[in-house]
Amino acid sequence: MSVNKVILVGNLGKDPDLRYTPSGTAVATFSLATTERYKDRDGNKQEKTEWHNIVAWRQLAEICGKYLHKGKQIYIEGKIQNRSYDDRDGNKRYISEVVVDQMQMLGGRDDNQGGGGGAGAGKSSNPGAQSYNKGQDDSSGQQKGGGFEEPEFNPDDEIPF
């Protein structure tokens, strides 16, 4: 038995690049930063940031392209994929990337450009969070993440601080 599962919580380093394959399949790529904070032996605070290449396909790619933006905090689940390609000079390049199958936007509704609210595809203890799963159906037979309409205002949904 083997497992290839990645869970990351981090911030987007750039707006997603949404493109379409010649057959019309949506693909979104972006970078995600995860930062580890710790104290060294001398008690000084240190930070180490890792950058991850992220790829989303199909409907999840379109959701990422529409709702995510640079700086947005997200939770993702997916798998590591290694591949190679030839660059413009003909050199073989190798890349590791995380292929996403689940994404949840974190942060509040007023998080930088409001990307946390509005899609209504998931429920969470975080009022601004939205969940999106690759190819998962709900009870109405529609895929989760479909329909990007703003839900009606409900004062009970707002949490006063």
Protein backbone atom coordinates (compact mmCIF):
# COMPACT_ATOMS: atom_id res chain seq x y z
CA MET A 1 0.00 0.00 0.00
CA SER A 2 1.19 3.54 -0.69
CA VAL A 3 -0.14 7.02 -0.05
CA ASN A 4 0.49 10.25 -1.95
CA LYS A 5 -1.37 12.95 0.00
CA VAL A 6 -0.45 16.58 0.59
CA ILE A 7 -2.20 19.04 2.90
CA LEU A 8 -1.09 22.68 2.81
CA VAL A 9 -2.30 25.90 4.38
CA GLY A 10 -0.64 28.97 2.96
CA ASN A 11 -0.92 32.19 1.01
CA LEU A 12 -0.99 32.64 -2.75
CA GLY A 13 2.18 34.18 -4.14
CA LYS A 14 0.42 35.38 -7.30
CA ASP A 15 -3.00 35.40 -8.92
CA PRO A 16 -3.85 32.04 -10.49
CA ASP A 17 -3.04 31.67 -14.18
CA LEU A 18 -6.18 30.14 -15.73
CA ARG A 19 -5.72 28.56 -19.15
CA TYR A 20 -7.46 25.98 -21.28
CA THR A 21 -6.03 22.94 -23.05
CA PRO A 22 -6.73 22.55 -26.80
CA SER A 23 -9.59 20.20 -25.86
CA GLY A 24 -11.13 22.91 -23.63
CA THR A 25 -10.14 21.59 -20.19
CA ALA A 26 -9.49 24.35 -17.63
CA VAL A 27 -6.17 24.34 -15.77
CA ALA A 28 -5.10 26.88 -13.12
CA THR A 29 -1.55 27.23 -11.83
CA PHE A 30 -0.25 29.35 -8.98
CA SER A 31 2.34 29.39 -6.23
CA LEU A 32 1.55 28.88 -2.56
CA ALA A 33 3.82 29.97 0.31
CA THR A 34 3.94 28.15 3.62
CA THR A 35 5.94 29.77 6.40
CA GLU A 36 7.41 28.04 9.42
CA ARG A 37 8.20 30.23 12.41
CA TYR A 38 10.51 29.03 15.16
CA LYS A 39 13.18 30.13 17.62
CA ASP A 40 16.80 29.16 17.04
CA ARG A 41 19.22 27.95 19.73
CA ASP A 42 19.92 31.54 20.77
CA GLY A 43 16.22 32.34 21.18
CA ASN A 44 16.02 34.49 18.05
CA LYS A 45 12.82 34.27 16.01
CA GLN A 46 13.36 32.70 12.60
CA GLU A 47 11.14 32.26 9.55
CA LYS A 48 11.47 29.80 6.72
CA THR A 49 9.19 30.06 3.70
CA GLU A 50 8.67 27.21 1.26
CA TRP A 51 7.12 27.83 -2.17
CA HIS A 52 4.90 25.19 -3.72
CA ASN A 53 3.76 24.93 -7.34
CA ILE A 54 0.01 24.25 -7.39
CA VAL A 55 -2.13 22.91 -10.26
CA ALA A 56 -5.93 22.63 -10.34
CA TRP A 57 -7.95 21.10 -13.17
CA ARG A 58 -11.46 21.43 -14.63
CA GLN A 59 -14.16 23.06 -12.50
CA LEU A 60 -11.84 23.51 -9.53
CA ALA A 61 -9.45 25.40 -11.84
CA GLU A 62 -12.24 27.77 -12.88
CA ILE A 63 -13.18 28.36 -9.23
CA CYS A 64 -9.53 29.12 -8.39
CA GLY A 65 -9.28 31.50 -11.34
CA LYS A 66 -12.43 33.34 -10.32
CA TYR A 67 -12.11 33.58 -6.54
CA LEU A 68 -8.43 33.38 -5.60
CA HIS A 69 -5.97 36.26 -5.66
CA LYS A 70 -2.46 37.05 -4.51
CA GLY A 71 -2.15 36.96 -0.72
CA LYS A 72 -5.33 34.91 -0.17
CA GLN A 73 -4.98 32.20 2.47
CA ILE A 74 -6.21 28.76 1.42
CA TYR A 75 -6.26 25.14 2.56
CA ILE A 76 -5.60 22.53 -0.11
CA GLU A 77 -5.44 18.77 -0.34
CA GLY A 78 -3.90 16.97 -3.26
CA LYS A 79 -1.02 14.80 -4.41
CA ILE A 80 2.60 15.43 -5.37
CA GLN A 81 3.37 15.01 -9.04
CA ASN A 82 6.83 15.13 -10.60
CA ARG A 83 7.22 15.76 -14.31
CA SER A 84 9.74 16.99 -16.83
CA TYR A 85 9.55 19.36 -19.76
CA ASP A 86 11.89 20.96 -22.29
CA ASP A 87 12.49 24.68 -21.84
CA ARG A 88 12.81 27.17 -24.71
CA ASP A 89 16.50 26.38 -25.07
CA GLY A 90 15.82 22.66 -25.34
CA ASN A 91 17.10 21.84 -21.84
CA LYS A 92 15.20 19.20 -19.88
CA ARG A 93 13.68 20.67 -16.70
CA TYR A 94 12.12 18.83 -13.77
CA ILE A 95 9.32 20.18 -11.62
CA SER A 96 7.40 19.01 -8.56
CA GLU A 97 3.88 20.27 -8.14
CA VAL A 98 0.81 19.63 -6.03
CA VAL A 99 -2.25 18.59 -8.03
CA VAL A 100 -5.24 19.81 -6.02
CA ASP A 101 -8.39 17.80 -5.50
CA GLN A 102 -9.83 19.86 -2.64
CA MET A 103 -9.54 23.56 -1.82
CA GLN A 104 -10.96 25.72 0.94
CA MET A 105 -10.66 29.49 1.05
CA LEU A 106 -9.76 30.82 4.48
CA GLY A 107 -10.05 34.29 5.95
CA GLY A 108 -13.07 36.54 6.28
CA ARG A 109 -15.39 38.00 3.68
CA ASP A 110 -13.45 41.25 3.74
CA ASP A 111 -10.11 39.49 3.17
CA ASN A 112 -8.33 41.66 0.55
CA GLN A 113 -10.82 41.61 -2.38
CA GLY A 114 -13.55 39.62 -0.62
CA GLY A 115 -12.55 36.31 -2.18
CA GLY A 116 -13.73 34.34 0.86
CA GLY A 117 -17.46 34.72 0.41
CA GLY A 118 -20.04 34.34 -2.23
CA ALA A 119 -19.77 30.89 -3.75
CA GLY A 120 -21.74 29.04 -1.10
CA ALA A 121 -20.42 25.58 -1.91
CA GLY A 122 -19.35 24.59 1.59
CA LYS A 123 -19.94 25.13 5.29
CA SER A 124 -17.26 25.55 7.90
CA SER A 125 -16.77 26.96 11.38
CA ASN A 126 -15.03 29.86 9.64
CA PRO A 127 -17.79 32.15 8.28
CA GLY A 128 -15.63 33.29 5.35
CA ALA A 129 -14.45 29.83 4.34
CA GLN A 130 -15.73 27.99 1.27
CA SER A 131 -14.90 24.39 0.35
CA TYR A 132 -14.56 22.96 -3.14
CA ASN A 133 -14.05 19.31 -3.99
CA LYS A 134 -13.03 17.84 -7.30
CA GLY A 135 -15.89 15.80 -8.78
CA GLN A 136 -17.95 15.44 -5.62
CA ASP A 137 -21.73 15.54 -6.08
CA ASP A 138 -24.26 16.94 -3.64
CA SER A 139 -27.78 15.59 -3.07
CA SER A 140 -29.27 17.61 -5.95
CA GLY A 141 -26.97 15.87 -8.44
CA GLN A 142 -24.98 19.02 -9.21
CA GLN A 143 -21.26 19.18 -8.63
CA LYS A 144 -20.13 21.11 -5.59
CA GLY A 145 -18.65 24.45 -6.50
CA GLY A 146 -21.11 24.91 -9.36
CA GLY A 147 -23.31 28.00 -9.51
CA PHE A 148 -21.46 31.10 -8.44
CA GLU A 149 -24.41 33.14 -7.24
CA GLU A 150 -24.18 35.32 -4.15
CA PRO A 151 -26.39 33.84 -1.41
CA GLU A 152 -29.18 35.97 0.03
CA PHE A 153 -28.17 38.11 3.00
CA ASN A 154 -28.96 36.45 6.30
CA PRO A 155 -28.22 38.57 9.41
CA ASP A 156 -27.86 35.36 11.45
CA ASP A 157 -24.81 34.45 9.33
CA GLU A 158 -22.87 37.52 10.41
CA ILE A 159 -20.79 37.22 13.57
CA PRO A 160 -20.48 40.55 15.44
CA PHE A 161 -17.06 41.22 16.90
